[in-house]
Amino acid sequence: MRVAVWYNNHDIRIEERPVPRIGPGEVLVRIIASGICGSDVMEWYRIDRAPLILGHEIAGEVVEVGKGVEKCKVGDRVAVAHHVPCNTCHYCLSGNHTSCDTLRRTNFDPGGFAEYVRLPAINVDRGVFPLPDDTSFEKATFIEPLACVLRGQRKAGIKPGQSVLVIGSGISGLLHVQLARALGVGHIIATDINEYRLKTAEKLGADTVFDADTFSTERFREINNGYLADVVIVCTGAVTAVTQALASVERGGTVLFFAPTGPGVTVPLSINDVFWRTDVTLTTSYAGSPADYDNALKLIQSRRVPVQDMITHRLGMAETGLGFKLVAEAGESLKVIIMPQQ
């Protein structure tokens, strides 16, 4: 089978590998669509492990099932979770499934930028999501990133009627905008340095957009009844975004750091200015649980989160390198989907 092997963001090679062989409890999936995630182009995060076959936002067809598999059958259309929890450890029983050691070790074989992947038995048991007939493979590639966004907004405690500031309007930022709109948030403000993405944020549900370079808390108060944001969601790793977030949250509000910074970055905090007498909460979120996947699929199927409008590029396997270039440059592209069978 063909696979796209990542050596670095500028070196993705199409190579031949054997089709994985499955064992008892396992499943072989023919990949139809595989989204490129922003984390896929974070070179610092994985360059020491290269070469790799990346890709975790996948959807496809079951073509072979191992002995004892009852959860799916040949011909089923499915989306698949690459990381799954044990459901029995301290973290899972506390509701923190994405802190589970098992979740951080599990994966499928080899990766989504391949024609076929093997699902280990634990992924078959906890990470296979049948697709309704009216949900395309393309839309299904959004299930994983939307699951992450769902968990993030749950941790941020977003409530109807609140004001939400989304800093960074890439894919995750736009999904946060759309989910906040679906949840009945009162006022959604989005920022970015890219005009194309700002226009898209406005199209997808932001009430107000700001160029991040000219954003000011004074202007924010003017359009938000004199208040700062109840919830600030940081969807970029720029240090300026962190400082902007801390300056933009209202007393009693929450800042959700959804995106990581670069390696080794630290940000000094003034306990008195940020926390004392303000009751501000700072939190983070990583990945999503199986329940988040289920809910993400329902939101996509019902079109409450219209992900189709975010797809800008559909590329065949041979163009995977171009796809990485588009995502890394963050120009006039949003969701780039690789179609491994093309």
Protein backbone atom coordinates (compact mmCIF):
# COMPACT_ATOMS: atom_id res chain seq x y z
CA MET A 1 0.00 0.00 0.00
CA ARG A 2 1.02 3.64 -0.39
CA VAL A 3 1.85 5.72 2.67
CA ALA A 4 2.94 9.33 3.10
CA VAL A 5 6.01 9.33 5.35
CA TRP A 6 6.82 12.52 7.26
CA TYR A 7 10.51 13.33 7.63
CA ASN A 8 9.84 17.02 8.29
CA ASN A 9 7.29 19.57 7.10
CA HIS A 10 9.20 20.05 3.86
CA ASP A 11 9.98 16.39 3.23
CA ILE A 12 6.98 14.06 2.89
CA ARG A 13 7.68 10.99 0.78
CA ILE A 14 5.23 8.57 -0.80
CA GLU A 15 6.51 5.08 -0.04
CA GLU A 16 5.28 1.49 -0.26
CA ARG A 17 4.57 -0.54 2.87
CA PRO A 18 2.85 -3.91 3.40
CA VAL A 19 -0.86 -3.79 4.21
CA PRO A 20 -1.09 -4.44 7.98
CA ARG A 21 -2.17 -7.93 9.00
CA ILE A 22 -4.84 -8.09 11.68
CA GLY A 23 -5.24 -10.48 14.57
CA PRO A 24 -8.10 -11.51 16.88
CA GLY A 25 -10.26 -8.58 17.95
CA GLU A 26 -8.66 -6.28 15.37
CA VAL A 27 -10.04 -4.52 12.29
CA LEU A 28 -8.58 -3.32 8.98
CA VAL A 29 -9.94 -0.03 7.67
CA ARG A 30 -9.55 1.34 4.15
CA ILE A 31 -8.96 5.07 4.62
CA ILE A 32 -11.14 7.32 2.46
CA ALA A 33 -10.41 10.70 4.09
CA SER A 34 -7.74 11.87 6.52
CA GLY A 35 -7.50 15.44 7.78
CA ILE A 36 -4.23 17.26 8.41
CA CYS A 37 -4.27 18.57 11.98
CA GLY A 38 -2.41 21.66 13.10
CA SER A 39 -0.47 19.43 15.49
CA ASP A 40 0.77 17.40 12.51
CA VAL A 41 2.90 20.35 11.40
CA MET A 42 4.45 21.04 14.84
CA GLU A 43 7.98 19.94 13.90
CA TRP A 44 9.44 20.56 17.36
CA TYR A 45 6.93 18.14 18.84
CA ARG A 46 7.94 15.07 16.81
CA ILE A 47 11.07 15.72 14.73
CA ASP A 48 13.19 13.54 17.03
CA ARG A 49 10.90 10.57 16.18
CA ALA A 50 10.94 11.00 12.40
CA PRO A 51 10.31 9.35 10.01
CA LEU A 52 6.63 8.91 10.91
CA ILE A 53 3.34 8.10 9.24
CA LEU A 54 1.05 10.71 10.73
CA GLY A 55 -2.68 11.31 10.41
CA HIS A 56 -5.28 10.78 13.15
CA GLU A 57 -8.43 12.47 11.80
CA ILE A 58 -9.62 9.53 9.74
CA ALA A 59 -12.73 7.99 8.23
CA GLY A 60 -13.09 4.96 6.00
CA GLU A 61 -14.58 1.54 5.35
CA VAL A 62 -14.09 -1.69 7.29
CA VAL A 63 -12.57 -4.26 4.90
CA GLU A 64 -11.57 -7.04 7.29
CA VAL A 65 -12.47 -8.03 10.86
CA GLY A 66 -10.61 -10.36 13.19
CA LYS A 67 -11.97 -13.25 15.18
CA GLY A 68 -14.36 -12.19 17.92
CA VAL A 69 -15.16 -8.73 16.54
CA GLU A 70 -18.84 -7.91 16.95
CA LYS A 71 -18.77 -4.11 17.08
CA CYS A 72 -18.47 -3.69 13.31
CA LYS A 73 -18.54 -5.71 10.11
CA VAL A 74 -17.05 -5.59 6.63
CA GLY A 75 -18.56 -2.70 4.67
CA ASP A 76 -19.29 -0.48 7.65
CA ARG A 77 -18.50 3.22 7.28
CA VAL A 78 -16.61 4.39 10.36
CA ALA A 79 -14.63 7.14 12.02
CA VAL A 80 -11.87 6.01 14.36
CA ALA A 81 -10.19 7.36 17.51
CA HIS A 82 -6.42 6.90 17.59
CA HIS A 83 -6.14 7.37 21.38
CA VAL A 84 -8.53 5.52 23.70
CA PRO A 85 -8.68 5.32 27.53
CA CYS A 86 -8.71 2.29 29.79
CA ASN A 87 -11.87 3.46 31.62
CA THR A 88 -10.72 1.88 34.88
CA CYS A 89 -7.74 3.91 36.19
CA HIS A 90 -7.70 6.76 38.71
CA TYR A 91 -7.87 9.36 35.94
CA CYS A 92 -10.73 7.75 34.02
CA LEU A 93 -12.79 7.17 37.17
CA SER A 94 -12.28 10.85 38.01
CA GLY A 95 -13.63 11.87 34.60
CA ASN A 96 -10.19 12.84 33.29
CA HIS A 97 -9.99 10.28 30.50
CA THR A 98 -7.41 12.20 28.50
CA SER A 99 -4.93 11.99 31.39
CA CYS A 100 -5.10 8.19 31.21
CA ASP A 101 -1.78 6.44 30.57
CA THR A 102 -3.49 4.01 28.20
CA LEU A 103 -4.93 6.84 26.13
CA ARG A 104 -1.45 8.31 25.71
CA ARG A 105 0.01 4.97 24.59
CA THR A 106 -2.68 3.73 22.21
CA ASN A 107 -2.69 4.39 18.48
CA PHE A 108 -3.56 2.70 15.22
CA ASP A 109 -1.13 1.16 12.73
CA PRO A 110 0.45 2.87 10.89
CA GLY A 111 -1.27 6.29 10.62
CA GLY A 112 -4.02 8.03 8.71
CA PHE A 113 -1.89 9.07 5.74
CA ALA A 114 -1.96 5.51 4.43
CA GLU A 115 -4.33 3.48 2.31
CA TYR A 116 -5.13 1.09 5.17
CA VAL A 117 -4.81 1.09 8.96
CA ARG A 118 -4.99 -1.70 11.50
CA LEU A 119 -7.05 -1.01 14.61
CA PRO A 120 -5.81 -2.78 17.75
CA ALA A 121 -8.48 -4.56 19.77
CA ILE A 122 -8.70 -1.81 22.39
CA ASN A 123 -9.34 0.79 19.66
CA VAL A 124 -12.00 -1.45 18.15
CA ASP A 125 -13.68 -1.74 21.55
CA ARG A 126 -13.61 1.98 22.47
CA GLY A 127 -12.73 3.98 19.38
CA VAL A 128 -14.90 2.97 16.43
CA PHE A 129 -17.84 5.22 15.56
CA PRO A 130 -20.31 4.09 12.87
CA LEU A 131 -21.16 6.86 10.43
CA PRO A 132 -24.79 7.65 9.58
CA ASP A 133 -25.58 7.50 5.85
CA ASP A 134 -25.98 11.28 5.70
CA THR A 135 -22.54 11.98 7.18
CA SER A 136 -19.78 12.01 4.56
CA PHE A 137 -16.27 10.72 5.11
CA GLU A 138 -15.03 14.30 4.70
CA LYS A 139 -17.25 15.59 7.48
CA ALA A 140 -16.23 12.66 9.67
CA THR A 141 -12.61 13.88 9.70
CA PHE A 142 -13.86 16.70 11.95
CA ILE A 143 -15.10 14.34 14.67
CA GLU A 144 -11.74 14.13 16.46
CA PRO A 145 -10.95 17.88 16.46
CA LEU A 146 -14.52 18.76 17.45
CA ALA A 147 -14.34 16.23 20.30
CA CYS A 148 -11.27 18.07 21.58
CA VAL A 149 -13.14 21.39 21.34
CA LEU A 150 -16.13 19.95 23.19
CA ARG A 151 -13.95 18.86 26.07
CA GLY A 152 -12.23 22.24 26.13
CA GLN A 153 -15.45 24.21 26.34
CA ARG A 154 -16.77 21.88 29.02
CA LYS A 155 -13.62 22.51 31.09
CA ALA A 156 -14.02 26.25 30.52
CA GLY A 157 -17.58 26.03 31.85
CA ILE A 158 -19.11 28.00 28.98
CA LYS A 159 -22.75 28.94 29.58
CA PRO A 160 -25.48 30.42 27.38
CA GLY A 161 -25.43 34.20 27.33
CA GLN A 162 -21.75 34.57 28.18
CA SER A 163 -19.26 36.50 26.10
CA VAL A 164 -16.46 34.43 24.55
CA LEU A 165 -13.23 35.69 23.03
CA VAL A 166 -11.46 33.25 20.69
CA ILE A 167 -7.84 34.22 20.05
CA GLY A 168 -6.64 32.56 16.84
CA SER A 169 -9.08 31.64 14.06
CA GLY A 170 -7.49 28.55 12.56
CA ILE A 171 -9.40 25.27 12.49
CA SER A 172 -9.61 24.86 16.27
CA GLY A 173 -10.56 28.50 16.75
CA LEU A 174 -13.28 28.27 14.12
CA LEU A 175 -14.64 25.09 15.69
CA HIS A 176 -14.74 26.91 19.04
CA VAL A 177 -16.66 29.75 17.38
CA GLN A 178 -19.18 27.35 15.85
CA LEU A 179 -19.64 25.29 19.00
CA ALA A 180 -20.07 28.42 21.13
CA ARG A 181 -22.73 29.61 18.68
CA ALA A 182 -24.47 26.21 18.84
CA LEU A 183 -24.46 26.39 22.66
CA GLY A 184 -26.16 29.79 22.70
CA VAL A 185 -23.29 32.02 23.76
CA GLY A 186 -24.29 35.67 23.96
CA HIS A 187 -21.41 37.42 22.17
CA ILE A 188 -18.57 35.74 20.28
CA ILE A 189 -15.45 37.74 19.41
CA ALA A 190 -12.67 36.24 17.28
CA THR A 191 -9.17 37.52 16.55
CA ASP A 192 -6.42 36.58 14.11
CA ILE A 193 -3.66 38.22 12.07
CA ASN A 194 -4.99 36.62 8.85
CA GLU A 195 -7.77 38.54 7.11
CA TYR A 196 -9.01 35.43 5.31
CA ARG A 197 -9.52 33.64 8.60
CA LEU A 198 -11.20 36.64 10.19
CA LYS A 199 -13.73 36.77 7.35
CA THR A 200 -14.33 33.05 7.77
CA ALA A 201 -14.84 33.45 11.53
CA GLU A 202 -17.47 36.10 10.84
CA LYS A 203 -19.15 33.85 8.29
CA LEU A 204 -19.21 30.93 10.72
CA GLY A 205 -20.76 32.73 13.67
CA ALA A 206 -18.49 35.32 15.27
CA ASP A 207 -20.39 38.50 16.13
CA THR A 208 -17.26 40.66 16.05
CA VAL A 209 -13.78 40.08 14.63
CA PHE A 210 -10.55 41.92 15.40
CA ASP A 211 -7.14 41.99 13.80
CA ALA A 212 -5.02 40.64 16.65
CA ASP A 213 -2.34 43.26 16.01
CA THR A 214 -4.77 46.13 16.60
CA PHE A 215 -6.96 44.52 19.27
CA SER A 216 -7.44 46.54 22.45
CA THR A 217 -9.33 45.88 25.65
CA GLU A 218 -10.82 49.38 25.43
CA ARG A 219 -12.43 48.58 22.07
CA PHE A 220 -13.52 45.22 23.44
CA ARG A 221 -15.36 46.88 26.32
CA GLU A 222 -17.11 49.19 23.87
CA ILE A 223 -18.67 46.31 21.96
CA ASN A 224 -19.33 44.16 25.05
CA ASN A 225 -21.39 46.47 27.28
CA GLY A 226 -18.37 47.67 29.22
CA TYR A 227 -17.13 44.22 30.21
CA LEU A 228 -14.21 42.04 29.25
CA ALA A 229 -14.76 38.41 28.17
CA ASP A 230 -16.35 35.84 30.45
CA VAL A 231 -14.32 33.15 28.69
CA VAL A 232 -11.14 33.54 26.64
CA ILE A 233 -10.02 30.61 24.47
CA VAL A 234 -6.42 30.72 23.25
CA CYS A 235 -6.03 28.80 19.99
CA THR A 236 -2.53 29.90 19.05
CA GLY A 237 0.82 29.33 20.66
CA ALA A 238 2.03 32.92 20.27
CA VAL A 239 3.20 34.39 23.57
CA THR A 240 1.47 37.66 22.68
CA ALA A 241 -1.81 35.72 22.62
CA VAL A 242 -1.21 34.53 26.17
CA THR A 243 -0.64 38.03 27.49
CA GLN A 244 -3.60 39.30 25.47
CA ALA A 245 -5.81 36.61 26.98
CA LEU A 246 -4.83 37.49 30.55
CA ALA A 247 -5.60 41.14 29.88
CA SER A 248 -8.97 40.36 28.27
CA VAL A 249 -10.71 38.15 30.84
CA GLU A 250 -13.36 39.61 33.13
CA ARG A 251 -13.38 39.14 36.91
CA GLY A 252 -14.69 35.67 37.66
CA GLY A 253 -13.92 34.58 34.12
CA THR A 254 -11.91 31.71 32.64
CA VAL A 255 -8.98 31.48 30.26
CA LEU A 256 -8.69 28.20 28.36
CA PHE A 257 -5.24 27.56 26.90
CA PHE A 258 -6.26 25.26 24.07
CA ALA A 259 -3.08 25.43 21.98
CA PRO A 260 0.45 24.69 23.17
CA THR A 261 3.24 27.22 22.92
CA GLY A 262 6.60 26.48 21.35
CA PRO A 263 9.09 24.36 23.33
CA GLY A 264 10.64 25.93 26.39
CA VAL A 265 8.30 28.92 26.48
CA THR A 266 7.44 30.30 29.91
CA VAL A 267 5.18 33.21 30.75
CA PRO A 268 5.59 35.12 34.02
CA LEU A 269 2.35 35.72 35.91
CA SER A 270 1.57 38.31 38.55
CA ILE A 271 -0.45 36.54 41.22
CA ASN A 272 -1.81 39.88 42.44
CA ASP A 273 -2.85 41.19 39.02
CA VAL A 274 -4.13 37.93 37.52
CA PHE A 275 -5.64 36.04 40.47
CA TRP A 276 -5.92 37.96 43.72
CA ARG A 277 -9.42 39.47 44.10
CA THR A 278 -10.32 38.57 40.50
CA ASP A 279 -11.34 34.90 40.83
CA VAL A 280 -9.96 34.25 37.34
CA THR A 281 -9.52 30.58 36.40
CA LEU A 282 -6.74 29.41 34.09
CA THR A 283 -7.17 25.95 32.57
CA THR A 284 -6.05 23.76 29.70
CA SER A 285 -7.49 20.88 27.73
CA TYR A 286 -5.97 17.97 25.84
CA ALA A 287 -7.71 15.58 23.43
CA GLY A 288 -11.24 14.21 23.87
CA SER A 289 -12.93 11.20 25.47
CA PRO A 290 -15.05 8.58 23.63
CA ALA A 291 -18.16 10.39 24.89
CA ASP A 292 -16.86 13.60 23.29
CA TYR A 293 -16.45 11.73 19.99
CA ASP A 294 -20.07 10.55 20.21
CA ASN A 295 -21.33 14.07 20.86
CA ALA A 296 -19.14 15.55 18.14
CA LEU A 297 -20.59 13.11 15.61
CA LYS A 298 -24.13 14.07 16.64
CA LEU A 299 -23.37 17.79 16.28
CA ILE A 300 -21.90 17.23 12.83
CA GLN A 301 -24.75 14.99 11.67
CA SER A 302 -27.37 17.49 12.85
CA ARG A 303 -25.45 20.31 11.11
CA ARG A 304 -25.43 22.35 14.31
CA VAL A 305 -21.71 22.64 13.59
CA PRO A 306 -21.50 23.04 9.77
CA VAL A 307 -18.00 21.69 9.23
CA GLN A 308 -18.35 21.29 5.46
CA ASP A 309 -17.86 25.04 5.03
CA MET A 310 -14.36 24.76 6.51
CA ILE A 311 -12.93 22.38 3.90
CA THR A 312 -10.71 24.29 1.47
CA HIS A 313 -8.56 21.56 -0.07
CA ARG A 314 -9.04 17.91 -1.01
CA LEU A 315 -5.79 16.30 -2.15
CA GLY A 316 -4.71 12.86 -3.32
CA MET A 317 -2.00 10.86 -1.58
CA ALA A 318 0.71 12.15 -3.93
CA GLU A 319 -0.10 15.72 -2.86
CA THR A 320 0.34 15.15 0.88
CA GLY A 321 3.47 17.31 0.86
CA LEU A 322 1.47 20.19 -0.61
CA GLY A 323 -1.14 19.66 2.09
CA PHE A 324 1.45 20.01 4.84
CA LYS A 325 2.80 23.13 3.17
CA LEU A 326 -0.67 24.70 3.08
CA VAL A 327 -1.36 23.93 6.74
CA ALA A 328 2.08 25.06 7.92
CA GLU A 329 1.90 28.36 6.03
CA ALA A 330 -1.63 29.10 7.31
CA GLY A 331 -2.51 31.32 4.36
CA GLU A 332 -5.81 31.01 2.51
CA SER A 333 -6.46 27.47 3.59
CA LEU A 334 -8.45 25.98 6.43
CA LYS A 335 -9.16 22.26 6.46
CA VAL A 336 -6.92 20.23 4.18
CA ILE A 337 -8.06 16.65 3.65
CA ILE A 338 -5.97 13.89 2.13
CA MET A 339 -7.83 11.23 0.13
CA PRO A 340 -5.43 8.23 0.31
CA GLN A 341 -7.25 6.21 -2.35
CA GLN A 342 -6.69 8.93 -4.97
